[in-house]
Amino acid sequence: MKKLLKTVGLAVSGVVLSAGLASAATGSIGTTGPDSNNQITHSGTTSIGVTNDNYVGVNNDNDQDARSGNASATHNTSAGGAKSGDARNSSSASTNASVSNNSCTCALSGVNGGGSNSASINLTGPDSNNQIRFNETKTVRVNNDNDVRVNNNNDQDASSGSATVSGNTTGGSATSGSVSNTSSTSTSVRISN
């Protein structure tokens, strides 16, 4: 019984464990008697959870309407030409969105960074049981939820008015104006997790 108490007392008084923020542990046992049971055991658990919930919404709504008036030359002795104006629509839209989540890098460096475990058992007596155990559990959970919604609505209407030459003794020309629609839309979304 005396031998057992001495072994337990030496094991408890001779072990120094310290764990820092970087999950490093050190321990040492020195100068123990014969048949002693010397153990250094460290169990460390590091668990990091990261959640990134990104929502990017782009809505481009472009409604354009262009109309030219009517031109007429009627009931003249000698009529000139009638020409309606041109109708044009032109639009350009550019959207750039960027989201960067660097928390994953920070999480991984928090788990892997820092010091290393070290332990030593020195000068133990004959028939001693000497054991060093380090058990480390490191868990990183990253949940990335990225929602991107892009809605481009482009509604263009262009109409040229009428050109009329009628009821004249001598008629001129009738020319309807030109109509054109031009649209350009560019959307760029970049998400980095």
Protein backbone atom coordinates (compact mmCIF):
# COMPACT_ATOMS: atom_id res chain seq x y z
CA MET A 1 0.00 0.00 0.00
CA LYS A 2 2.88 2.36 0.80
CA LYS A 3 4.40 1.70 -2.64
CA LEU A 4 1.08 2.42 -4.40
CA LEU A 5 0.59 5.73 -2.59
CA LYS A 6 4.12 6.78 -3.37
CA THR A 7 3.59 6.06 -7.08
CA VAL A 8 0.36 8.03 -7.23
CA GLY A 9 1.89 10.89 -5.25
CA LEU A 10 4.91 11.06 -7.55
CA ALA A 11 2.80 10.88 -10.68
CA VAL A 12 0.57 13.71 -9.55
CA SER A 13 3.32 15.97 -8.23
CA GLY A 14 5.67 15.34 -11.13
CA VAL A 15 3.26 16.09 -14.02
CA VAL A 16 3.01 19.59 -15.40
CA LEU A 17 0.57 20.07 -18.29
CA SER A 18 -0.15 23.32 -19.98
CA ALA A 19 -2.37 23.97 -22.99
CA GLY A 20 -2.35 27.29 -24.76
CA LEU A 21 -4.65 28.89 -27.28
CA ALA A 22 -2.87 27.04 -30.04
CA SER A 23 -3.75 23.71 -28.39
CA ALA A 24 -0.17 22.85 -27.47
CA ALA A 25 0.52 20.80 -24.35
CA THR A 26 3.73 20.03 -22.51
CA GLY A 27 4.45 17.70 -19.66
CA SER A 28 7.39 16.19 -17.81
CA ILE A 29 8.00 13.62 -15.09
CA GLY A 30 11.42 13.20 -13.56
CA THR A 31 13.21 11.17 -10.88
CA THR A 32 10.73 8.54 -9.80
CA GLY A 33 11.31 5.37 -7.89
CA PRO A 34 11.32 1.74 -8.96
CA ASP A 35 8.05 0.08 -10.01
CA SER A 36 6.44 3.50 -10.42
CA ASN A 37 3.54 4.18 -12.76
CA ASN A 38 4.28 7.37 -14.69
CA GLN A 39 1.72 8.68 -17.16
CA ILE A 40 1.29 11.92 -19.05
CA THR A 41 -2.06 12.18 -20.78
CA HIS A 42 -3.47 15.13 -22.67
CA SER A 43 -6.80 15.24 -24.46
CA GLY A 44 -7.55 18.33 -26.53
CA THR A 45 -10.61 19.19 -28.57
CA THR A 46 -10.87 22.06 -31.01
CA SER A 47 -14.14 22.66 -32.81
CA ILE A 48 -14.78 25.56 -35.17
CA GLY A 49 -18.00 26.25 -37.05
CA VAL A 50 -18.33 28.81 -39.84
CA THR A 51 -21.57 29.72 -41.60
CA ASN A 52 -21.64 31.99 -44.63
CA ASP A 53 -25.09 32.92 -45.92
CA ASN A 54 -24.75 35.09 -49.02
CA TYR A 55 -27.67 36.48 -50.99
CA VAL A 56 -26.96 38.50 -54.12
CA GLY A 57 -29.91 39.88 -56.02
CA VAL A 58 -29.66 41.86 -59.26
CA ASN A 59 -32.72 43.33 -60.94
CA ASN A 60 -32.38 45.39 -64.11
CA ASP A 61 -35.72 46.69 -65.42
CA ASN A 62 -35.48 48.76 -68.60
CA ASP A 63 -38.66 50.01 -70.27
CA GLN A 64 -38.33 52.37 -73.24
CA ASP A 65 -40.84 53.80 -75.64
CA ALA A 66 -40.01 56.05 -78.63
CA ARG A 67 -42.49 57.36 -81.14
CA SER A 68 -42.28 59.99 -83.83
CA GLY A 69 -45.22 62.06 -84.92
CA ASN A 70 -47.16 61.88 -88.18
CA ALA A 71 -46.35 64.02 -91.23
CA SER A 72 -48.88 64.82 -93.91
CA ALA A 73 -49.17 67.08 -96.93
CA THR A 74 -52.80 67.27 -98.10
CA HIS A 75 -55.01 69.56 -100.20
CA ASN A 76 -52.20 71.58 -101.75
CA THR A 77 -51.78 72.80 -105.30
CA SER A 78 -48.16 71.76 -105.31
CA ALA A 79 -47.19 69.66 -102.31
CA GLY A 80 -43.69 69.07 -101.06
CA GLY A 81 -42.47 65.92 -99.40
CA ALA A 82 -43.73 64.53 -96.12
CA LYS A 83 -41.32 62.72 -93.82
CA SER A 84 -41.87 61.45 -90.32
CA GLY A 85 -38.99 61.47 -87.86
CA ASP A 86 -36.77 58.60 -86.75
CA ALA A 87 -37.43 56.68 -83.53
CA ARG A 88 -34.55 55.05 -81.68
CA ASN A 89 -34.03 53.26 -78.39
CA SER A 90 -30.62 52.51 -76.96
CA SER A 91 -29.82 51.15 -73.52
CA SER A 92 -26.83 49.70 -71.75
CA ALA A 93 -26.71 48.21 -68.24
CA SER A 94 -23.73 46.76 -66.40
CA THR A 95 -23.81 45.17 -62.95
CA ASN A 96 -20.82 43.78 -61.03
CA ALA A 97 -21.17 42.17 -57.60
CA SER A 98 -18.44 40.52 -55.56
CA VAL A 99 -18.65 38.72 -52.19
CA SER A 100 -15.57 37.36 -50.44
CA ASN A 101 -15.70 35.21 -47.30
CA ASN A 102 -12.24 34.67 -45.85
CA SER A 103 -13.53 33.10 -42.63
CA CYS A 104 -12.74 29.61 -43.95
CA THR A 105 -9.04 30.46 -44.14
CA CYS A 106 -9.13 31.89 -40.63
CA ALA A 107 -10.90 28.80 -39.33
CA LEU A 108 -8.32 26.45 -40.82
CA SER A 109 -5.42 28.49 -39.51
CA GLY A 110 -7.02 28.45 -36.05
CA VAL A 111 -7.08 24.64 -36.06
CA ASN A 112 -3.66 24.04 -37.55
CA GLY A 113 -1.74 26.97 -36.12
CA GLY A 114 0.30 27.25 -32.98
CA GLY A 115 2.73 25.07 -31.13
CA SER A 116 3.22 21.36 -30.87
CA ASN A 117 2.79 18.92 -28.01
CA SER A 118 5.84 17.74 -26.10
CA ALA A 119 6.40 15.52 -23.09
CA SER A 120 9.24 13.74 -21.37
CA ILE A 121 9.70 11.13 -18.65
CA ASN A 122 13.25 11.00 -17.21
CA LEU A 123 15.17 9.12 -14.56
CA THR A 124 12.57 6.55 -13.59
CA GLY A 125 13.37 3.53 -11.54
CA PRO A 126 13.58 -0.05 -12.74
CA ASP A 127 10.38 -1.82 -13.72
CA SER A 128 8.53 1.47 -14.08
CA ASN A 129 5.50 1.85 -16.31
CA ASN A 130 6.05 5.02 -18.36
CA GLN A 131 3.37 6.24 -20.79
CA ILE A 132 2.81 9.43 -22.75
CA ARG A 133 -0.48 9.94 -24.58
CA PHE A 134 -1.66 12.89 -26.63
CA ASN A 135 -5.18 12.75 -28.03
CA GLU A 136 -6.17 15.66 -30.26
CA THR A 137 -9.55 16.04 -31.94
CA LYS A 138 -9.90 18.90 -34.40
CA THR A 139 -13.13 19.59 -36.23
CA VAL A 140 -13.93 22.32 -38.73
CA ARG A 141 -17.40 22.66 -40.15
CA VAL A 142 -17.99 25.21 -42.92
CA ASN A 143 -21.46 25.80 -44.29
CA ASN A 144 -21.66 28.01 -47.38
CA ASP A 145 -25.12 28.95 -48.60
CA ASN A 146 -24.88 31.10 -51.72
CA ASP A 147 -28.03 32.38 -53.42
CA VAL A 148 -27.70 34.38 -56.63
CA ARG A 149 -30.71 35.71 -58.46
CA VAL A 150 -30.42 37.78 -61.64
CA ASN A 151 -33.44 39.28 -63.38
CA ASN A 152 -32.95 41.31 -66.56
CA ASN A 153 -36.14 42.72 -68.06
CA ASN A 154 -35.76 44.79 -71.22
CA ASP A 155 -38.93 46.07 -72.92
CA GLN A 156 -38.44 48.43 -75.85
CA ASP A 157 -41.00 49.85 -78.24
CA ALA A 158 -40.17 52.21 -81.11
CA SER A 159 -42.56 53.26 -83.84
CA SER A 160 -42.24 55.78 -86.59
CA GLY A 161 -45.18 57.98 -87.47
CA SER A 162 -46.99 57.89 -90.80
CA ALA A 163 -46.11 60.09 -93.75
CA THR A 164 -49.02 60.96 -96.02
CA VAL A 165 -49.26 62.99 -99.22
CA SER A 166 -52.82 63.12 -100.55
CA GLY A 167 -55.37 65.34 -102.24
CA ASN A 168 -52.78 67.53 -103.95
CA THR A 169 -52.68 68.79 -107.56
CA THR A 170 -49.01 67.94 -107.72
CA GLY A 171 -47.85 65.50 -105.03
CA GLY A 172 -44.48 65.23 -103.44
CA SER A 173 -42.79 62.28 -101.78
CA ALA A 174 -43.73 60.52 -98.54
CA THR A 175 -41.04 58.96 -96.38
CA SER A 176 -41.50 57.20 -93.08
CA GLY A 177 -38.65 57.56 -90.56
CA SER A 178 -36.40 54.71 -89.51
CA VAL A 179 -36.85 52.68 -86.33
CA SER A 180 -34.12 50.97 -84.31
CA ASN A 181 -33.75 49.27 -80.92
CA THR A 182 -30.39 48.55 -79.28
CA SER A 183 -29.88 46.94 -75.90
CA SER A 184 -26.84 45.64 -74.03
CA THR A 185 -26.87 44.03 -70.57
CA SER A 186 -23.89 42.66 -68.66
CA THR A 187 -24.14 41.00 -65.23
CA SER A 188 -21.19 39.60 -63.31
CA VAL A 189 -21.46 37.95 -59.89
CA ARG A 190 -18.37 36.56 -58.12
CA ILE A 191 -18.53 34.71 -54.79
CA SER A 192 -15.39 33.46 -53.11
CA ASN A 193 -15.75 31.25 -50.02
